[in-house]
Every structure is written in C-alpha cells, then in structure tokens.
C-alpha cells in the first residue's frame, strides 16, 4: 500500500488521536476509517452514519470471530 502526505488541521488530528486511542487504532488508521465512513455515508445518504461505521467495523473483524445470525423465528422453532 502506498502512502501520501496530506495537511490536516491540528484540531482534526487531535480528535483523531483521542479516537484512535479509544478504538485501538493508529492516528492514520482512524483518519482512514473516518474517510471510509464519510465516503460510504455520501454514497448511502439514507443510512445513519453509526450504522455505516458499525458495518465497516464488523466487516474488518476476522471471520473466525463472527457468530452466525439466527433469526428469532428460527430460534423458537
């Protein structure tokens, strides 16, 4: 993966630093995550940003850590 240097306002970097620490990401990883959420939100204006963020995080989880979805109707049967 290649990298590019960009200028980002210091207040955004500070916010990314705090969020990155809470989410166990690098600052670069946090800014990239926010960019992916923003891009997906623009592409899908009907979806809440929180849903998009949670979806992106779940897609990044290892497959072996996932659990199979069982609808309530199937669980009762």
PDB file of N, CA and C in Angstrom:
ATOM      1  N   UNK A   1       0.843  -1.166   0.000  1.00  0.00           N
ATOM      2  CA  UNK A   1       0.000   0.000   0.000  1.00  0.00           C
ATOM      3  C   UNK A   1       0.891   1.232   0.000  1.00  0.00           C
ATOM      4  N   UNK A   2       0.574   2.162  -0.868  1.00  0.00           N
ATOM      5  CA  UNK A   2       1.364   3.381  -0.919  1.00  0.00           C
ATOM      6  C   UNK A   2       0.791   4.414   0.045  1.00  0.00           C
ATOM      7  N   UNK A   3       1.577   5.398   0.354  1.00  0.00           N
ATOM      8  CA  UNK A   3       1.123   6.444   1.267  1.00  0.00           C
ATOM      9  C   UNK A   3       1.384   7.803   0.636  1.00  0.00           C
ATOM     10  N   UNK A   4       0.604   8.780   1.084  1.00  0.00           N
ATOM     11  CA  UNK A   4       0.712  10.151   0.603  1.00  0.00           C
ATOM     12  C   UNK A   4       0.627  11.064   1.809  1.00  0.00           C
ATOM     13  N   UNK A   5       1.423  12.094   1.828  1.00  0.00           N
ATOM     14  CA  UNK A   5       1.352  13.073   2.906  1.00  0.00           C
ATOM     15  C   UNK A   5       0.298  14.123   2.569  1.00  0.00           C
ATOM     16  N   UNK A   6      -0.529  14.438   3.544  1.00  0.00           N
ATOM     17  CA  UNK A   6      -1.542  15.484   3.373  1.00  0.00           C
ATOM     18  C   UNK A   6      -1.518  16.384   4.590  1.00  0.00           C
ATOM     19  N   UNK A   7      -1.944  17.624   4.410  1.00  0.00           N
ATOM     20  CA  UNK A   7      -2.041  18.563   5.524  1.00  0.00           C
ATOM     21  C   UNK A   7      -3.443  18.461   6.107  1.00  0.00           C
ATOM     22  N   UNK A   8      -3.512  18.258   7.410  1.00  0.00           N
ATOM     23  CA  UNK A   8      -4.790  18.162   8.104  1.00  0.00           C
ATOM     24  C   UNK A   8      -4.742  19.123   9.281  1.00  0.00           C
ATOM     25  N   UNK A   9      -5.845  19.819   9.499  1.00  0.00           N
ATOM     26  CA  UNK A   9      -5.943  20.757  10.600  1.00  0.00           C
ATOM     27  C   UNK A   9      -5.584  20.065  11.919  1.00  0.00           C
ATOM     28  N   UNK A  10      -4.841  20.754  12.763  1.00  0.00           N
ATOM     29  CA  UNK A  10      -4.364  20.176  14.024  1.00  0.00           C
ATOM     30  C   UNK A  10      -5.506  19.730  14.929  1.00  0.00           C
ATOM     31  N   UNK A  11      -6.632  20.447  14.902  1.00  0.00           N
ATOM     32  CA  UNK A  11      -7.760  20.037  15.753  1.00  0.00           C
ATOM     33  C   UNK A  11      -8.327  18.693  15.299  1.00  0.00           C
ATOM     34  N   UNK A  12      -8.329  18.437  13.992  1.00  0.00           N
ATOM     35  CA  UNK A  12      -8.788  17.137  13.486  1.00  0.00           C
ATOM     36  C   UNK A  12      -7.805  16.034  13.868  1.00  0.00           C
ATOM     37  N   UNK A  13      -6.526  16.337  13.809  1.00  0.00           N
ATOM     38  CA  UNK A  13      -5.508  15.362  14.212  1.00  0.00           C
ATOM     39  C   UNK A  13      -5.633  15.053  15.702  1.00  0.00           C
ATOM     40  N   UNK A  14      -5.889  16.061  16.509  1.00  0.00           N
ATOM     41  CA  UNK A  14      -6.065  15.838  17.949  1.00  0.00           C
ATOM     42  C   UNK A  14      -7.288  14.975  18.224  1.00  0.00           C
ATOM     43  N   UNK A  15      -8.382  15.246  17.513  1.00  0.00           N
ATOM     44  CA  UNK A  15      -9.590  14.433  17.672  1.00  0.00           C
ATOM     45  C   UNK A  15      -9.329  13.002  17.212  1.00  0.00           C
ATOM     46  N   UNK A  16      -8.596  12.850  16.117  1.00  0.00           N
ATOM     47  CA  UNK A  16      -8.261  11.514  15.616  1.00  0.00           C
ATOM     48  C   UNK A  16      -7.359  10.771  16.598  1.00  0.00           C
ATOM     49  N   UNK A  17      -6.445  11.496  17.218  1.00  0.00           N
ATOM     50  CA  UNK A  17      -5.547  10.876  18.198  1.00  0.00           C
ATOM     51  C   UNK A  17      -6.345  10.322  19.382  1.00  0.00           C
ATOM     52  N   UNK A  18      -7.300  11.106  19.877  1.00  0.00           N
ATOM     53  CA  UNK A  18      -8.122  10.656  21.007  1.00  0.00           C
ATOM     54  C   UNK A  18      -9.000   9.476  20.611  1.00  0.00           C
ATOM     55  N   UNK A  19      -9.635   9.566  19.439  1.00  0.00           N
ATOM     56  CA  UNK A  19     -10.496   8.472  18.977  1.00  0.00           C
ATOM     57  C   UNK A  19      -9.681   7.222  18.679  1.00  0.00           C
ATOM     58  N   UNK A  20      -8.497   7.399  18.119  1.00  0.00           N
ATOM     59  CA  UNK A  20      -7.638   6.260  17.794  1.00  0.00           C
ATOM     60  C   UNK A  20      -7.243   5.502  19.054  1.00  0.00           C
ATOM     61  N   UNK A  21      -6.941   6.230  20.109  1.00  0.00           N
ATOM     62  CA  UNK A  21      -6.568   5.586  21.367  1.00  0.00           C
ATOM     63  C   UNK A  21      -7.736   4.771  21.910  1.00  0.00           C
ATOM     64  N   UNK A  22      -8.936   5.324  21.841  1.00  0.00           N
ATOM     65  CA  UNK A  22     -10.120   4.632  22.347  1.00  0.00           C
ATOM     66  C   UNK A  22     -10.487   3.425  21.495  1.00  0.00           C
ATOM     67  N   UNK A  23     -10.206   3.497  20.206  1.00  0.00           N
ATOM     68  CA  UNK A  23     -10.578   2.420  19.283  1.00  0.00           C
ATOM     69  C   UNK A  23      -9.417   1.476  18.962  1.00  0.00           C
ATOM     70  N   UNK A  24      -8.276   1.673  19.627  1.00  0.00           N
ATOM     71  CA  UNK A  24      -7.089   0.832  19.417  1.00  0.00           C
ATOM     72  C   UNK A  24      -6.633   0.844  17.958  1.00  0.00           C
ATOM     73  N   UNK A  25      -6.592   2.050  17.380  1.00  0.00           N
ATOM     74  CA  UNK A  25      -6.100   2.240  16.019  1.00  0.00           C
ATOM     75  C   UNK A  25      -4.943   3.225  16.064  1.00  0.00           C
ATOM     76  N   UNK A  26      -4.228   3.298  14.964  1.00  0.00           N
ATOM     77  CA  UNK A  26      -3.246   4.363  14.804  1.00  0.00           C
ATOM     78  C   UNK A  26      -4.004   5.630  14.408  1.00  0.00           C
ATOM     79  N   UNK A  27      -3.352   6.769  14.523  1.00  0.00           N
ATOM     80  CA  UNK A  27      -3.982   8.018  14.090  1.00  0.00           C
ATOM     81  C   UNK A  27      -4.291   7.931  12.599  1.00  0.00           C
ATOM     82  N   UNK A  28      -3.343   7.414  11.830  1.00  0.00           N
ATOM     83  CA  UNK A  28      -3.555   7.238  10.396  1.00  0.00           C
ATOM     84  C   UNK A  28      -4.744   6.314  10.144  1.00  0.00           C
ATOM     85  N   UNK A  29      -4.823   5.224  10.876  1.00  0.00           N
ATOM     86  CA  UNK A  29      -5.933   4.293  10.731  1.00  0.00           C
ATOM     87  C   UNK A  29      -7.264   4.924  11.074  1.00  0.00           C
ATOM     88  N   UNK A  30      -7.275   5.792  12.085  1.00  0.00           N
ATOM     89  CA  UNK A  30      -8.508   6.474  12.481  1.00  0.00           C
ATOM     90  C   UNK A  30      -8.976   7.430  11.392  1.00  0.00           C
ATOM     91  N   UNK A  31      -8.055   8.202  10.840  1.00  0.00           N
ATOM     92  CA  UNK A  31      -8.410   9.146   9.775  1.00  0.00           C
ATOM     93  C   UNK A  31      -8.903   8.367   8.551  1.00  0.00           C
ATOM     94  N   UNK A  32      -8.255   7.251   8.233  1.00  0.00           N
ATOM     95  CA  UNK A  32      -8.706   6.418   7.111  1.00  0.00           C
ATOM     96  C   UNK A  32     -10.104   5.867   7.383  1.00  0.00           C
ATOM     97  N   UNK A  33     -10.367   5.440   8.613  1.00  0.00           N
ATOM     98  CA  UNK A  33     -11.680   4.915   8.964  1.00  0.00           C
ATOM     99  C   UNK A  33     -12.741   5.998   8.798  1.00  0.00           C
ATOM    100  N   UNK A  34     -12.459   7.194   9.315  1.00  0.00           N
ATOM    101  CA  UNK A  34     -13.402   8.302   9.168  1.00  0.00           C
ATOM    102  C   UNK A  34     -13.653   8.606   7.692  1.00  0.00           C
ATOM    103  N   UNK A  35     -12.615   8.534   6.881  1.00  0.00           N
ATOM    104  CA  UNK A  35     -12.776   8.799   5.441  1.00  0.00           C
ATOM    105  C   UNK A  35     -13.671   7.736   4.804  1.00  0.00           C
ATOM    106  N   UNK A  36     -13.489   6.468   5.169  1.00  0.00           N
ATOM    107  CA  UNK A  36     -14.337   5.397   4.627  1.00  0.00           C
ATOM    108  C   UNK A  36     -15.789   5.579   5.064  1.00  0.00           C
ATOM    109  N   UNK A  37     -15.994   5.939   6.334  1.00  0.00           N
ATOM    110  CA  UNK A  37     -17.357   6.177   6.825  1.00  0.00           C
ATOM    111  C   UNK A  37     -17.988   7.346   6.058  1.00  0.00           C
ATOM    112  N   UNK A  38     -17.249   8.413   5.906  1.00  0.00           N
ATOM    113  CA  UNK A  38     -17.756   9.581   5.183  1.00  0.00           C
ATOM    114  C   UNK A  38     -18.089   9.276   3.738  1.00  0.00           C
ATOM    115  N   UNK A  39     -17.221   8.550   3.076  1.00  0.00           N
ATOM    116  CA  UNK A  39     -17.470   8.183   1.677  1.00  0.00           C
ATOM    117  C   UNK A  39     -18.711   7.306   1.566  1.00  0.00           C
ATOM    118  N   UNK A  40     -18.829   6.311   2.462  1.00  0.00           N
ATOM    119  CA  UNK A  40     -19.998   5.431   2.445  1.00  0.00           C
ATOM    120  C   UNK A  40     -21.271   6.203   2.783  1.00  0.00           C
ATOM    121  N   UNK A  41     -21.179   7.172   3.695  1.00  0.00           N
ATOM    122  CA  UNK A  41     -22.345   7.983   4.052  1.00  0.00           C
ATOM    123  C   UNK A  41     -22.800   8.830   2.862  1.00  0.00           C
ATOM    124  N   UNK A  42     -21.871   9.364   2.115  1.00  0.00           N
ATOM    125  CA  UNK A  42     -22.241  10.133   0.929  1.00  0.00           C
ATOM    126  C   UNK A  42     -22.860   9.243  -0.141  1.00  0.00           C
ATOM    127  N   UNK A  43     -22.355   8.017  -0.260  1.00  0.00           N
ATOM    128  CA  UNK A  43     -22.889   7.076  -1.243  1.00  0.00           C
ATOM    129  C   UNK A  43     -24.234   6.499  -0.818  1.00  0.00           C
ATOM    130  N   UNK A  44     -24.533   6.533   0.477  1.00  0.00           N
ATOM    131  CA  UNK A  44     -25.760   5.947   1.033  1.00  0.00           C
ATOM    132  C   UNK A  44     -26.416   6.935   1.994  1.00  0.00           C
ATOM    133  N   UNK A  45     -26.976   8.021   1.480  1.00  0.00           N
ATOM    134  CA  UNK A  45     -27.493   9.071   2.367  1.00  0.00           C
ATOM    135  C   UNK A  45     -28.663   8.642   3.251  1.00  0.00           C
ATOM    136  N   UNK A  46     -29.321   7.533   2.930  1.00  0.00           N
ATOM    137  CA  UNK A  46     -30.450   7.078   3.740  1.00  0.00           C
ATOM    138  C   UNK A  46     -30.011   6.287   4.969  1.00  0.00           C
ATOM    139  N   UNK A  47     -28.744   5.897   5.036  1.00  0.00           N
ATOM    140  CA  UNK A  47     -28.252   5.111   6.170  1.00  0.00           C
ATOM    141  C   UNK A  47     -27.641   6.021   7.230  1.00  0.00           C
ATOM    142  N   UNK A  48     -27.903   5.750   8.510  1.00  0.00           N
ATOM    143  CA  UNK A  48     -27.260   6.533   9.574  1.00  0.00           C
ATOM    144  C   UNK A  48     -25.744   6.272   9.585  1.00  0.00           C
ATOM    145  N   UNK A  49     -24.991   7.299   9.899  1.00  0.00           N
ATOM    146  CA  UNK A  49     -23.527   7.158   9.950  1.00  0.00           C
ATOM    147  C   UNK A  49     -23.106   6.102  10.966  1.00  0.00           C
ATOM    148  N   UNK A  50     -23.829   5.991  12.078  1.00  0.00           N
ATOM    149  CA  UNK A  50     -23.479   4.983  13.086  1.00  0.00           C
ATOM    150  C   UNK A  50     -23.636   3.574  12.528  1.00  0.00           C
ATOM    151  N   UNK A  51     -24.658   3.339  11.724  1.00  0.00           N
ATOM    152  CA  UNK A  51     -24.850   2.029  11.094  1.00  0.00           C
ATOM    153  C   UNK A  51     -23.708   1.731  10.132  1.00  0.00           C
ATOM    154  N   UNK A  52     -23.320   2.743   9.359  1.00  0.00           N
ATOM    155  CA  UNK A  52     -22.216   2.574   8.410  1.00  0.00           C
ATOM    156  C   UNK A  52     -20.935   2.247   9.152  1.00  0.00           C
ATOM    157  N   UNK A  53     -20.647   2.995  10.218  1.00  0.00           N
ATOM    158  CA  UNK A  53     -19.417   2.769  10.986  1.00  0.00           C
ATOM    159  C   UNK A  53     -19.406   1.368  11.586  1.00  0.00           C
ATOM    160  N   UNK A  54     -20.521   0.950  12.176  1.00  0.00           N
ATOM    161  CA  UNK A  54     -20.581  -0.386  12.769  1.00  0.00           C
ATOM    162  C   UNK A  54     -20.450  -1.473  11.707  1.00  0.00           C
ATOM    163  N   UNK A  55     -21.030  -1.248  10.544  1.00  0.00           N
ATOM    164  CA  UNK A  55     -20.922  -2.214   9.454  1.00  0.00           C
ATOM    165  C   UNK A  55     -19.481  -2.345   8.982  1.00  0.00           C
ATOM    166  N   UNK A  56     -18.801  -1.212   8.826  1.00  0.00           N
ATOM    167  CA  UNK A  56     -17.401  -1.261   8.399  1.00  0.00           C
ATOM    168  C   UNK A  56     -16.525  -1.956   9.436  1.00  0.00           C
ATOM    169  N   UNK A  57     -16.793  -1.704  10.722  1.00  0.00           N
ATOM    170  CA  UNK A  57     -16.006  -2.366  11.771  1.00  0.00           C
ATOM    171  C   UNK A  57     -16.262  -3.864  11.766  1.00  0.00           C
ATOM    172  N   UNK A  58     -17.503  -4.271  11.570  1.00  0.00           N
ATOM    173  CA  UNK A  58     -17.800  -5.707  11.573  1.00  0.00           C
ATOM    174  C   UNK A  58     -17.187  -6.398  10.369  1.00  0.00           C
ATOM    175  N   UNK A  59     -17.127  -5.704   9.235  1.00  0.00           N
ATOM    176  CA  UNK A  59     -16.516  -6.296   8.047  1.00  0.00           C
ATOM    177  C   UNK A  59     -15.012  -6.482   8.224  1.00  0.00           C
ATOM    178  N   UNK A  60     -14.408  -5.709   9.105  1.00  0.00           N
ATOM    179  CA  UNK A  60     -12.968  -5.802   9.339  1.00  0.00           C
ATOM    180  C   UNK A  60     -12.602  -6.883  10.354  1.00  0.00           C
ATOM    181  N   UNK A  61     -13.597  -7.412  11.069  1.00  0.00           N
ATOM    182  CA  UNK A  61     -13.320  -8.452  12.064  1.00  0.00           C
ATOM    183  C   UNK A  61     -12.949  -9.766  11.373  1.00  0.00           C
ATOM    184  N   UNK A  62     -12.065 -10.535  11.997  1.00  0.00           N
ATOM    185  CA  UNK A  62     -11.722 -11.838  11.427  1.00  0.00           C
ATOM    186  C   UNK A  62     -12.956 -12.738  11.349  1.00  0.00           C
ATOM    187  N   UNK A  63     -13.063 -13.507  10.296  1.00  0.00           N
ATOM    188  CA  UNK A  63     -14.213 -14.389  10.080  1.00  0.00           C
ATOM    189  C   UNK A  63     -14.415 -15.361  11.240  1.00  0.00           C
ATOM    190  N   UNK A  64     -13.322 -15.876  11.787  1.00  0.00           N
ATOM    191  CA  UNK A  64     -13.434 -16.870  12.863  1.00  0.00           C
ATOM    192  C   UNK A  64     -13.988 -16.277  14.153  1.00  0.00           C
ATOM    193  N   UNK A  65     -13.987 -14.946  14.279  1.00  0.00           N
ATOM    194  CA  UNK A  65     -14.540 -14.291  15.468  1.00  0.00           C
ATOM    195  C   UNK A  65     -16.034 -13.986  15.334  1.00  0.00           C
ATOM    196  N   UNK A  66     -16.604 -14.256  14.160  1.00  0.00           N
ATOM    197  CA  UNK A  66     -18.002 -13.910  13.928  1.00  0.00           C
ATOM    198  C   UNK A  66     -18.938 -15.013  14.427  1.00  0.00           C
ATOM    199  N   UNK A  67     -20.181 -14.632  14.670  1.00  0.00           N
ATOM    200  CA  UNK A  67     -21.203 -15.599  15.058  1.00  0.00           C
ATOM    201  C   UNK A  67     -22.286 -15.606  13.986  1.00  0.00           C
ATOM    202  N   UNK A  68     -22.880 -16.745  13.804  1.00  0.00           N
ATOM    203  CA  UNK A  68     -23.905 -16.904  12.787  1.00  0.00           C
ATOM    204  C   UNK A  68     -25.184 -16.209  13.250  1.00  0.00           C
ATOM    205  N   UNK A  69     -25.824 -15.483  12.336  1.00  0.00           N
ATOM    206  CA  UNK A  69     -27.084 -14.825  12.645  1.00  0.00           C
ATOM    207  C   UNK A  69     -28.198 -15.852  12.595  1.00  0.00           C
ATOM    208  N   UNK A  70     -28.975 -15.911  13.652  1.00  0.00           N
ATOM    209  CA  UNK A  70     -30.136 -16.795  13.715  1.00  0.00           C
ATOM    210  C   UNK A  70     -31.360 -15.934  13.989  1.00  0.00           C
ATOM    211  N   UNK A  71     -32.294 -15.854  13.036  1.00  0.00           N
ATOM    212  CA  UNK A  71     -33.488 -15.043  13.264  1.00  0.00           C
ATOM    213  C   UNK A  71     -34.275 -15.567  14.448  1.00  0.00           C
ATOM    214  N   UNK A  72     -34.979 -14.675  15.129  1.00  0.00           N
ATOM    215  CA  UNK A  72     -35.775 -15.094  16.301  1.00  0.00           C
ATOM    216  C   UNK A  72     -36.792 -16.162  15.941  1.00  0.00           C
ATOM    217  N   UNK A  73     -37.380 -16.042  14.760  1.00  0.00           N
ATOM    218  CA  UNK A  73     -38.395 -17.023  14.360  1.00  0.00           C
ATOM    219  C   UNK A  73     -37.790 -18.418  14.228  1.00  0.00           C
ATOM    220  N   UNK A  74     -36.543 -18.516  13.779  1.00  0.00           N
ATOM    221  CA  UNK A  74     -35.891 -19.816  13.635  1.00  0.00           C
ATOM    222  C   UNK A  74     -35.421 -20.333  14.995  1.00  0.00           C
ATOM    223  N   UNK A  75     -35.090 -19.435  15.901  1.00  0.00           N
ATOM    224  CA  UNK A  75     -34.595 -19.849  17.216  1.00  0.00           C
ATOM    225  C   UNK A  75     -35.718 -20.460  18.057  1.00  0.00           C
ATOM    226  N   UNK A  76     -36.951 -20.016  17.839  1.00  0.00           N
ATOM    227  CA  UNK A  76     -38.084 -20.538  18.611  1.00  0.00           C
ATOM    228  C   UNK A  76     -38.527 -21.905  18.116  1.00  0.00           C
ATOM    229  N   UNK A  77     -38.247 -22.211  16.876  1.00  0.00           N
ATOM    230  CA  UNK A  77     -38.714 -23.481  16.285  1.00  0.00           C
ATOM    231  C   UNK A  77     -37.937 -24.669  16.766  1.00  0.00           C
TER     232      UNK A  77
END
